Amino acid sequence: MNSTDILLWAVLPYIAISSFVIGLIWRFKYDKFNWTTRSSQIYEGKLLSIAGPLFHLGLFAVIGGHVVGLLVPQDFTDSVGLSHQAYHLGAITMGGAAGFATLIGISLLIYRRRTTAMVFAQTTKNDKTMYIFLVATLLAGSAATLSSAGVIGGEHNYRETVGPWVRSILTLSPNGELMMASPIAFRVHAIIAMSLFIIWPFTRLVHSLSAPVGYLFRPSIVYRTRDGRGIAGSRKARQGWERIKY
């Protein structure tokens, strides 16, 4: 490999991981109040109710497919009796459907953002950059899926190249030659995806890593009256918390 190959497949992955982790820690510590998706549902909700779930559910399926495809070795699926042909067919059909749903969802979200004046007015340059990288990653991933299926070029088993390369990165023994053996569509997809991870902590995408877990354990809602006499016929008000009976 030349110096460019080493930079792309042995150095850039760690730059992306470092930016992702350190950026999230910094953002959470020093910019916690901007850790939000800046919801625009108040301005338009009809199209959002379709595009939002389509994009998010499709993206969850895409991420799940990547986790299984890249982190689970082929030897394991072979050992449990799942043939390469069956795995490949499932990955192409389900992965293709998930990718298509995600692309349709993001397209509708961008259309909504561009055609709804109030939503577009809230769009920052940071948002536009994020959308460019996100859409480019999805398009490159779709091209890689077609390449894997043999639609673009010859059929390619990414679990023999891309998967082992990802695992070599995680075990701190990067093997860039594995990526060099993969089709160009996979390499382009990987480069754009790593670029997306670099900017991830500094965009609204941070909301994907937060969830209202505390909402599940919130205390019961407490109603108090300002009238010390209370309502006629009601029992005497007591101080402190009182659980509401449903």
Protein backbone atom coordinates (compact mmCIF):
# COMPACT_ATOMS: atom_id res chain seq x y z
CA MET A 1 0.00 0.00 0.00
CA ASN A 2 1.12 3.56 -0.65
CA SER A 3 0.93 6.44 1.82
CA THR A 4 -2.57 7.43 0.66
CA ASP A 5 -3.88 3.91 1.25
CA ILE A 6 -2.34 3.86 4.72
CA LEU A 7 -3.92 7.23 5.50
CA LEU A 8 -7.37 6.12 4.32
CA TRP A 9 -7.53 2.62 5.75
CA ALA A 10 -5.22 2.68 8.77
CA VAL A 11 -5.28 6.28 10.01
CA LEU A 12 -8.61 7.84 9.01
CA PRO A 13 -10.68 5.24 10.90
CA TYR A 14 -9.02 6.22 14.18
CA ILE A 15 -9.43 9.91 13.39
CA ALA A 16 -13.15 9.26 12.86
CA ILE A 17 -13.47 7.24 16.08
CA SER A 18 -11.55 9.85 18.09
CA SER A 19 -13.60 12.73 16.69
CA PHE A 20 -16.82 10.84 17.36
CA VAL A 21 -16.04 9.92 20.97
CA ILE A 22 -14.18 13.07 22.05
CA GLY A 23 -16.64 15.30 20.21
CA LEU A 24 -19.60 13.71 21.98
CA ILE A 25 -17.96 14.08 25.38
CA TRP A 26 -17.10 17.73 24.68
CA ARG A 27 -20.56 18.48 23.32
CA PHE A 28 -22.27 16.89 26.30
CA LYS A 29 -20.06 18.71 28.79
CA TYR A 30 -19.90 22.19 27.26
CA ASP A 31 -22.88 22.40 24.89
CA LYS A 32 -25.50 20.31 26.64
CA PHE A 33 -28.37 22.73 26.03
CA ASN A 34 -27.87 22.48 22.26
CA TRP A 35 -27.89 18.67 22.36
CA THR A 36 -31.18 18.54 20.48
CA THR A 37 -32.73 17.86 17.11
CA ARG A 38 -34.44 21.28 17.17
CA SER A 39 -37.82 19.81 16.35
CA SER A 40 -39.83 21.63 13.69
CA GLN A 41 -43.04 19.65 14.13
CA ILE A 42 -44.84 22.78 15.30
CA TYR A 43 -44.45 24.25 11.79
CA GLU A 44 -45.49 21.19 9.77
CA GLY A 45 -46.57 17.79 11.00
CA LYS A 46 -48.44 15.96 8.25
CA LEU A 47 -45.49 15.13 6.01
CA LEU A 48 -43.22 14.73 9.02
CA SER A 49 -45.50 12.01 10.41
CA ILE A 50 -44.77 9.97 7.28
CA ALA A 51 -41.17 10.88 6.50
CA GLY A 52 -39.90 10.76 10.09
CA PRO A 53 -40.85 7.15 10.92
CA LEU A 54 -39.91 5.97 7.42
CA PHE A 55 -36.43 7.45 7.73
CA HIS A 56 -35.77 6.47 11.34
CA LEU A 57 -37.09 2.90 11.13
CA GLY A 58 -35.25 2.35 7.86
CA LEU A 59 -32.06 3.73 9.36
CA PHE A 60 -32.35 1.51 12.45
CA ALA A 61 -32.65 -1.51 10.14
CA VAL A 62 -29.65 -0.34 8.09
CA ILE A 63 -27.53 0.10 11.22
CA GLY A 64 -28.59 -3.31 12.52
CA GLY A 65 -27.63 -4.90 9.22
CA HIS A 66 -24.23 -3.22 9.33
CA VAL A 67 -23.58 -4.43 12.88
CA VAL A 68 -24.38 -8.03 11.95
CA GLY A 69 -22.68 -7.95 8.57
CA LEU A 70 -19.45 -6.31 9.72
CA LEU A 71 -18.97 -7.65 13.23
CA VAL A 72 -20.22 -11.24 12.91
CA PRO A 73 -17.58 -13.38 11.13
CA GLN A 74 -18.62 -15.59 8.25
CA ASP A 75 -17.23 -18.61 10.11
CA PHE A 76 -19.88 -18.11 12.79
CA THR A 77 -22.84 -18.05 10.38
CA ASP A 78 -21.39 -21.08 8.61
CA SER A 79 -21.08 -22.93 11.93
CA VAL A 80 -24.76 -22.38 12.79
CA GLY A 81 -25.85 -23.75 9.43
CA LEU A 82 -26.58 -20.49 7.61
CA SER A 83 -25.19 -20.87 4.11
CA HIS A 84 -23.51 -18.04 2.28
CA GLN A 85 -26.24 -18.07 -0.37
CA ALA A 86 -29.03 -17.74 2.22
CA TYR A 87 -27.19 -15.02 4.14
CA HIS A 88 -26.39 -13.13 0.96
CA LEU A 89 -29.99 -13.29 -0.26
CA GLY A 90 -31.31 -12.05 3.08
CA ALA A 91 -28.74 -9.26 3.27
CA ILE A 92 -29.52 -8.05 -0.24
CA THR A 93 -33.32 -8.15 0.08
CA MET A 94 -33.69 -6.82 3.62
CA GLY A 95 -30.75 -4.43 3.34
CA GLY A 96 -31.98 -3.14 0.01
CA ALA A 97 -35.50 -2.59 1.36
CA ALA A 98 -34.17 -0.80 4.46
CA GLY A 99 -31.87 1.38 2.38
CA PHE A 100 -34.69 2.25 -0.02
CA ALA A 101 -37.01 3.21 2.86
CA THR A 102 -34.28 5.35 4.40
CA LEU A 103 -33.61 7.15 1.12
CA ILE A 104 -37.31 7.83 0.57
CA GLY A 105 -37.63 9.09 4.14
CA ILE A 106 -34.65 11.45 3.95
CA SER A 107 -35.82 12.70 0.55
CA LEU A 108 -39.23 13.59 1.99
CA LEU A 109 -37.61 15.26 5.00
CA ILE A 110 -35.41 17.40 2.75
CA TYR A 111 -38.39 18.24 0.52
CA ARG A 112 -40.39 19.26 3.59
CA ARG A 113 -37.52 21.36 4.93
CA ARG A 114 -37.07 23.13 1.60
CA THR A 115 -40.73 23.78 0.80
CA THR A 116 -41.97 24.76 4.27
CA ALA A 117 -40.91 28.35 4.81
CA MET A 118 -40.73 28.27 8.60
CA VAL A 119 -38.81 24.99 8.61
CA PHE A 120 -36.37 26.23 5.98
CA ALA A 121 -35.82 29.41 7.97
CA GLN A 122 -34.59 27.29 10.89
CA THR A 123 -32.11 25.39 8.68
CA THR A 124 -28.47 26.26 9.37
CA LYS A 125 -25.34 25.77 7.28
CA ASN A 126 -24.43 23.04 9.71
CA ASP A 127 -27.71 21.26 8.87
CA LYS A 128 -27.07 21.52 5.14
CA THR A 129 -23.58 20.04 5.54
CA MET A 130 -25.01 17.22 7.62
CA TYR A 131 -27.66 16.43 5.02
CA ILE A 132 -25.04 16.34 2.24
CA PHE A 133 -22.87 13.82 4.09
CA LEU A 134 -25.85 11.77 5.24
CA VAL A 135 -27.40 11.48 1.77
CA ALA A 136 -24.00 10.79 0.20
CA THR A 137 -23.42 7.98 2.70
CA LEU A 138 -26.82 6.44 1.91
CA LEU A 139 -26.32 6.69 -1.85
CA ALA A 140 -22.84 5.20 -1.66
CA GLY A 141 -24.18 2.43 0.56
CA SER A 142 -26.92 1.67 -1.96
CA ALA A 143 -24.28 1.48 -4.69
CA ALA A 144 -22.26 -0.90 -2.52
CA THR A 145 -25.34 -3.09 -2.04
CA LEU A 146 -25.85 -3.24 -5.80
CA SER A 147 -22.17 -4.05 -6.21
CA SER A 148 -22.46 -6.84 -3.66
CA ALA A 149 -25.40 -8.25 -5.62
CA GLY A 150 -23.44 -8.16 -8.86
CA VAL A 151 -25.65 -5.48 -10.44
CA ILE A 152 -22.64 -3.13 -10.60
CA GLY A 153 -19.55 -5.09 -11.57
CA GLY A 154 -19.06 -8.65 -10.37
CA GLU A 155 -20.63 -10.11 -7.24
CA HIS A 156 -18.56 -9.44 -4.12
CA ASN A 157 -18.63 -11.01 -0.66
CA TYR A 158 -17.90 -8.07 1.64
CA ARG A 159 -17.60 -10.41 4.64
CA GLU A 160 -14.23 -11.50 3.27
CA THR A 161 -12.86 -7.95 2.91
CA VAL A 162 -14.81 -5.09 4.52
CA GLY A 163 -15.95 -7.07 7.57
CA PRO A 164 -12.46 -8.30 8.53
CA TRP A 165 -11.09 -4.79 7.92
CA VAL A 166 -13.59 -3.27 10.38
CA ARG A 167 -12.75 -5.90 12.98
CA SER A 168 -9.03 -5.29 12.44
CA ILE A 169 -9.61 -1.60 13.20
CA LEU A 170 -11.45 -2.44 16.42
CA THR A 171 -8.68 -4.81 17.52
CA LEU A 172 -6.04 -2.11 16.87
CA SER A 173 -4.38 -4.11 14.10
CA PRO A 174 -5.56 -2.32 10.93
CA ASN A 175 -5.22 -4.27 7.70
CA GLY A 176 -5.82 -1.81 4.89
CA GLU A 177 -5.06 -4.39 2.22
CA LEU A 178 -8.45 -5.95 2.91
CA MET A 179 -10.21 -2.74 1.86
CA MET A 180 -7.98 -2.38 -1.16
CA ALA A 181 -9.29 -5.76 -2.31
CA SER A 182 -12.91 -4.57 -2.18
CA PRO A 183 -14.76 -2.85 -5.08
CA ILE A 184 -14.59 0.93 -5.41
CA ALA A 185 -18.22 1.31 -4.28
CA PHE A 186 -17.38 -0.11 -0.85
CA ARG A 187 -14.31 2.09 -0.49
CA VAL A 188 -16.21 5.25 -1.40
CA HIS A 189 -18.98 4.30 1.03
CA ALA A 190 -16.45 3.73 3.82
CA ILE A 191 -14.67 7.05 3.25
CA ILE A 192 -17.91 9.07 3.25
CA ALA A 193 -19.21 7.17 6.29
CA MET A 194 -16.01 7.93 8.22
CA SER A 195 -16.33 11.59 7.26
CA LEU A 196 -19.90 11.54 8.58
CA PHE A 197 -18.70 10.14 11.91
CA ILE A 198 -16.12 12.93 12.14
CA ILE A 199 -18.78 15.66 11.94
CA TRP A 200 -21.50 13.70 13.78
CA PRO A 201 -20.93 15.17 17.29
CA PHE A 202 -21.14 18.72 15.95
CA THR A 203 -24.51 18.35 14.21
CA ARG A 204 -28.10 17.67 15.23
CA LEU A 205 -27.34 13.96 14.75
CA VAL A 206 -26.29 13.87 18.42
CA HIS A 207 -29.96 13.42 19.31
CA SER A 208 -29.69 9.84 18.03
CA LEU A 209 -27.58 9.00 21.08
CA SER A 210 -30.02 10.27 23.67
CA ALA A 211 -33.33 8.91 24.86
CA PRO A 212 -35.85 10.10 27.48
CA VAL A 213 -35.08 7.19 29.81
CA GLY A 214 -35.87 9.29 32.87
CA TYR A 215 -39.42 9.72 31.57
CA LEU A 216 -40.08 6.07 32.37
CA PHE A 217 -39.25 6.63 36.04
CA ARG A 218 -40.80 10.07 36.51
CA PRO A 219 -42.85 10.66 39.68
CA SER A 220 -46.59 10.78 39.50
CA ILE A 221 -48.14 14.09 38.53
CA VAL A 222 -49.14 16.09 41.58
CA TYR A 223 -52.05 18.52 41.54
CA ARG A 224 -52.36 21.11 44.29
CA THR A 225 -55.04 23.70 44.83
CA ARG A 226 -54.24 27.29 45.74
CA ASP A 227 -57.51 27.53 47.59
CA GLY A 228 -56.84 26.39 51.15
CA ARG A 229 -60.50 25.58 51.61
CA GLY A 230 -60.42 23.14 48.72
CA ILE A 231 -63.45 22.13 46.71
CA ALA A 232 -66.78 21.61 48.41
CA GLY A 233 -67.26 17.97 49.24
CA SER A 234 -63.58 17.07 48.83
CA ARG A 235 -61.45 15.70 51.61
CA LYS A 236 -58.95 17.90 53.40
CA ALA A 237 -55.78 18.53 51.44
CA ARG A 238 -52.60 17.04 52.85
CA GLN A 239 -49.04 18.22 52.42
CA GLY A 240 -46.45 16.22 50.52
CA TRP A 241 -46.55 13.85 47.56
CA GLU A 242 -49.58 11.75 46.88
CA ARG A 243 -49.82 9.05 44.22
CA ILE A 244 -52.62 9.46 41.73
CA LYS A 245 -54.93 6.47 41.42
CA TYR A 246 -55.90 5.67 37.86
